[in-house]
N, C-alpha and C. Protein backbone atom coordinates (compact mmCIF):
# COMPACT_ATOMS: atom_id res chain seq x y z
N MET A 1 107.52 73.13 37.22
CA MET A 1 106.31 73.13 38.02
C MET A 1 105.36 71.94 37.38
N ALA A 2 105.29 72.08 35.74
CA ALA A 2 104.51 71.63 35.02
C ALA A 2 104.91 70.17 34.78
N VAL A 3 106.50 70.04 34.80
CA VAL A 3 107.03 68.40 34.62
C VAL A 3 106.57 67.84 36.06
N LEU A 4 106.34 68.64 37.14
CA LEU A 4 106.26 67.57 38.53
C LEU A 4 104.49 67.13 38.23
N PHE A 5 103.59 68.41 37.87
CA PHE A 5 102.44 67.77 37.71
C PHE A 5 102.13 66.72 36.85
N GLY A 6 102.91 66.64 35.79
CA GLY A 6 102.84 65.89 34.39
C GLY A 6 103.49 64.41 34.92
N ALA A 7 104.50 64.66 35.82
CA ALA A 7 105.01 63.08 36.39
C ALA A 7 103.64 62.56 37.37
N GLN A 8 103.51 63.43 37.99
CA GLN A 8 102.24 62.96 39.30
C GLN A 8 101.02 62.38 38.54
N GLY A 9 100.64 63.05 37.43
CA GLY A 9 99.36 62.39 36.54
C GLY A 9 99.88 61.42 35.97
N ALA A 10 100.95 61.32 34.95
CA ALA A 10 101.31 60.26 34.64
C ALA A 10 101.53 58.65 35.74
N GLY A 11 102.18 59.40 37.01
CA GLY A 11 101.95 57.86 37.80
C GLY A 11 100.76 57.48 38.24
N ASN A 12 99.82 58.33 38.21
CA ASN A 12 98.31 58.20 38.76
C ASN A 12 97.84 57.16 37.45
N VAL A 13 98.14 57.48 36.27
CA VAL A 13 97.35 57.02 35.30
C VAL A 13 98.08 55.29 35.30
N PHE A 14 99.43 55.15 35.41
CA PHE A 14 100.22 53.99 35.31
C PHE A 14 100.03 53.19 36.63
N ALA A 15 99.25 53.75 37.52
CA ALA A 15 98.72 53.07 38.55
C ALA A 15 97.54 52.05 38.14
N TYR A 16 96.69 52.25 37.39
CA TYR A 16 95.65 51.56 36.84
C TYR A 16 95.90 50.57 35.69
N ALA A 17 97.06 50.69 35.33
CA ALA A 17 97.58 49.90 34.11
C ALA A 17 97.24 48.19 34.12
N PRO A 18 97.29 47.83 35.43
CA PRO A 18 96.50 46.13 35.49
C PRO A 18 95.45 46.41 35.10
N ASP A 19 94.24 47.41 35.52
CA ASP A 19 92.99 47.27 35.28
C ASP A 19 92.69 47.61 33.52
N PHE A 20 93.29 48.03 33.02
CA PHE A 20 93.34 48.45 31.69
C PHE A 20 93.52 46.93 31.05
N THR A 21 94.71 46.57 31.36
CA THR A 21 95.08 44.87 30.88
C THR A 21 93.89 43.83 30.81
N LYS A 22 93.13 43.83 32.12
CA LYS A 22 91.93 42.98 32.62
C LYS A 22 91.11 43.40 32.00
N ALA A 23 90.82 44.45 31.53
CA ALA A 23 89.57 45.37 30.73
C ALA A 23 89.73 44.61 29.36
N LYS A 24 91.03 45.24 28.81
CA LYS A 24 91.04 44.73 27.42
C LYS A 24 90.72 43.29 27.25
N THR A 25 91.37 42.44 27.97
CA THR A 25 91.19 40.61 28.15
C THR A 25 89.77 40.69 28.10
N ALA A 26 89.04 40.96 28.82
CA ALA A 26 87.73 40.70 29.11
C ALA A 26 86.88 41.08 27.89
N THR A 27 87.37 42.16 27.39
CA THR A 27 86.69 42.57 26.26
C THR A 27 86.86 41.60 25.05
N ILE A 28 88.14 41.18 25.13
CA ILE A 28 88.52 40.16 23.99
C ILE A 28 87.75 38.91 23.90
N ASP A 29 87.75 38.28 25.29
CA ASP A 29 86.53 37.04 25.62
C ASP A 29 85.37 37.09 25.34
N LEU A 30 84.83 38.40 25.69
CA LEU A 30 83.31 38.62 25.46
C LEU A 30 83.08 38.81 24.21
N SER A 31 83.79 39.39 23.20
CA SER A 31 83.58 39.35 21.84
C SER A 31 83.81 37.99 21.16
N ARG A 32 84.56 37.28 21.57
CA ARG A 32 84.78 35.78 21.03
C ARG A 32 83.27 34.98 21.39
N LEU A 33 82.94 35.22 22.69
CA LEU A 33 81.64 34.46 23.35
C LEU A 33 80.63 34.81 22.47
N LEU A 34 80.79 36.26 22.05
CA LEU A 34 79.32 36.35 21.24
C LEU A 34 79.34 36.16 19.60
N GLU A 35 80.59 36.17 19.27
CA GLU A 35 80.92 35.87 17.79
C GLU A 35 80.82 34.34 17.64
N HIS A 36 81.01 33.58 18.64
CA HIS A 36 81.22 32.06 18.50
C HIS A 36 79.80 31.32 17.75
N GLU A 37 79.96 30.48 16.75
CA GLU A 37 78.96 29.80 16.37
C GLU A 37 78.62 28.28 16.92
N PRO A 38 77.84 28.20 17.70
CA PRO A 38 77.87 26.73 18.13
C PRO A 38 77.76 25.57 17.29
N ASP A 39 78.20 24.20 17.50
CA ASP A 39 78.13 22.97 16.70
C ASP A 39 76.63 22.88 16.74
N ILE A 40 75.61 22.94 17.63
CA ILE A 40 74.33 22.22 17.07
C ILE A 40 73.31 23.65 17.40
N ASP A 41 72.82 24.18 16.43
CA ASP A 41 71.91 25.03 15.90
C ASP A 41 70.61 24.74 16.53
N VAL A 42 70.11 25.38 17.52
CA VAL A 42 68.73 24.62 18.62
C VAL A 42 67.85 25.49 17.75
N TRP A 43 68.01 26.46 17.02
CA TRP A 43 66.69 27.19 16.00
C TRP A 43 66.57 26.49 14.77
N SER A 44 67.41 25.42 14.23
CA SER A 44 67.02 24.82 13.03
C SER A 44 66.06 23.55 13.21
N GLU A 45 65.13 23.82 11.98
CA GLU A 45 64.08 22.60 11.95
C GLU A 45 64.71 21.44 11.40
N LYS A 46 65.94 21.63 11.24
CA LYS A 46 66.81 20.01 10.81
C LYS A 46 66.82 18.64 11.93
N GLY A 47 67.18 17.62 11.57
CA GLY A 47 66.91 16.80 12.36
C GLY A 47 65.98 15.93 13.03
N TYR A 48 66.39 15.18 14.14
CA TYR A 48 65.08 14.33 14.42
C TYR A 48 64.14 14.93 15.82
N HIS A 49 62.83 14.61 15.40
CA HIS A 49 62.18 15.42 16.57
C HIS A 49 60.92 14.29 17.02
N VAL A 50 60.91 14.54 18.28
CA VAL A 50 60.21 13.78 19.18
C VAL A 50 58.48 14.07 18.95
N ASP A 51 57.63 12.82 18.34
CA ASP A 51 56.48 13.16 17.85
C ASP A 51 55.69 13.06 19.20
N VAL A 52 56.06 12.03 20.25
CA VAL A 52 55.11 11.45 21.06
C VAL A 52 55.95 11.50 22.18
N ILE A 53 55.42 11.84 23.33
CA ILE A 53 55.82 11.70 24.86
C ILE A 53 55.32 10.89 25.84
N GLN A 54 55.65 9.51 25.88
CA GLN A 54 54.85 8.68 26.51
C GLN A 54 55.20 8.68 27.98
N ASP A 55 54.20 8.79 28.98
CA ASP A 55 54.10 9.07 30.27
C ASP A 55 54.64 10.08 31.03
N GLY A 56 55.23 10.87 30.12
CA GLY A 56 55.72 12.05 30.81
C GLY A 56 57.09 11.83 32.33
N ARG A 57 57.50 10.83 31.70
CA ARG A 57 58.64 10.60 32.95
C ARG A 57 59.96 10.27 32.24
N ILE A 58 61.14 10.89 33.30
CA ILE A 58 62.38 10.84 32.81
C ILE A 58 63.14 9.84 33.72
N LYS A 59 63.90 8.86 32.89
CA LYS A 59 64.77 8.11 33.88
C LYS A 59 65.98 8.46 33.58
N PHE A 60 66.80 8.57 34.82
CA PHE A 60 68.22 8.40 34.85
C PHE A 60 68.73 7.65 35.12
N THR A 61 69.66 6.90 34.49
CA THR A 61 70.87 5.81 34.88
C THR A 61 72.26 6.19 34.89
N ASP A 62 72.77 5.60 35.79
CA ASP A 62 74.31 5.80 35.84
C ASP A 62 74.56 7.17 35.85
N VAL A 63 74.25 8.28 36.72
CA VAL A 63 74.36 9.38 36.87
C VAL A 63 75.49 9.59 38.00
N TYR A 64 76.62 10.47 37.43
CA TYR A 64 77.36 10.56 39.02
C TYR A 64 78.22 12.04 38.42
N PHE A 65 78.61 12.54 39.63
CA PHE A 65 79.54 13.74 39.42
C PHE A 65 80.54 13.52 40.41
N SER A 66 81.78 14.07 39.96
CA SER A 66 83.13 14.00 40.86
C SER A 66 83.73 15.22 40.45
N TYR A 67 84.44 15.75 41.44
CA TYR A 67 85.28 17.19 40.83
C TYR A 67 86.52 16.53 40.63
N PRO A 68 87.05 17.54 39.73
CA PRO A 68 88.38 16.74 39.17
C PRO A 68 89.43 16.32 39.94
N THR A 69 89.69 17.24 41.17
CA THR A 69 90.64 17.10 42.16
C THR A 69 90.43 16.29 43.23
N ARG A 70 89.19 15.57 43.20
CA ARG A 70 88.76 14.31 44.28
C ARG A 70 88.50 13.40 43.29
N SER A 71 88.56 11.92 44.13
CA SER A 71 88.22 10.93 43.59
C SER A 71 86.89 10.48 43.99
N THR A 72 86.46 11.33 45.05
CA THR A 72 84.71 10.73 45.54
C THR A 72 84.02 11.30 44.60
N ARG A 73 82.87 10.54 44.68
CA ARG A 73 81.79 10.53 43.67
C ARG A 73 80.85 11.64 44.47
N ILE A 74 80.36 12.61 44.16
CA ILE A 74 79.35 13.53 44.61
C ILE A 74 78.04 12.94 44.80
N LEU A 75 77.43 13.16 43.30
CA LEU A 75 76.39 12.91 42.93
C LEU A 75 76.12 11.14 42.74
N HIS A 76 76.00 10.08 42.83
CA HIS A 76 76.31 8.72 42.67
C HIS A 76 74.98 8.19 42.63
N ILE A 77 73.83 8.45 43.29
CA ILE A 77 72.51 7.71 43.16
C ILE A 77 71.41 9.16 42.91
N LEU A 78 70.52 8.50 41.85
CA LEU A 78 69.73 9.66 41.24
C LEU A 78 68.45 8.85 40.93
N THR A 79 67.63 8.76 41.75
CA THR A 79 66.18 8.11 41.22
C THR A 79 64.91 8.91 41.29
N VAL A 80 64.38 9.42 40.62
CA VAL A 80 63.65 10.15 40.39
C VAL A 80 62.33 9.28 40.89
N GLY A 81 61.84 8.40 40.14
CA GLY A 81 60.52 7.58 40.41
C GLY A 81 60.18 7.08 41.67
N ARG A 82 61.34 6.50 42.30
CA ARG A 82 60.88 5.99 43.53
C ARG A 82 61.25 6.94 44.83
N ARG A 83 61.55 8.43 44.24
CA ARG A 83 61.81 9.31 45.52
C ARG A 83 63.11 9.14 46.01
N LYS A 84 64.02 8.72 45.66
CA LYS A 84 65.47 8.32 46.14
C LYS A 84 66.37 9.37 45.71
N LEU A 85 66.58 10.49 46.18
CA LEU A 85 67.49 11.72 45.46
C LEU A 85 68.85 11.71 46.49
N PHE A 86 69.54 11.68 45.60
CA PHE A 86 71.05 11.43 46.06
C PHE A 86 71.47 10.54 46.93
């Protein structure tokens, strides 16, 4: 009787084995992400700083986007100043 209950319990536990593997992999990926040191330190005071912002406008030129699996450009025209978006 004990062997039967033990076998049933083991079967129930092993049904979740793929989920255990996914959880372990996700934990490793999250740990790597949290411990990663980026190439650019946004909190550093070193480097070039903009002293004056002129006119407050941003100009985008040659902006486009396409999916890697498609050759069609999705976002090929973006002009904010003249109100022509996409």
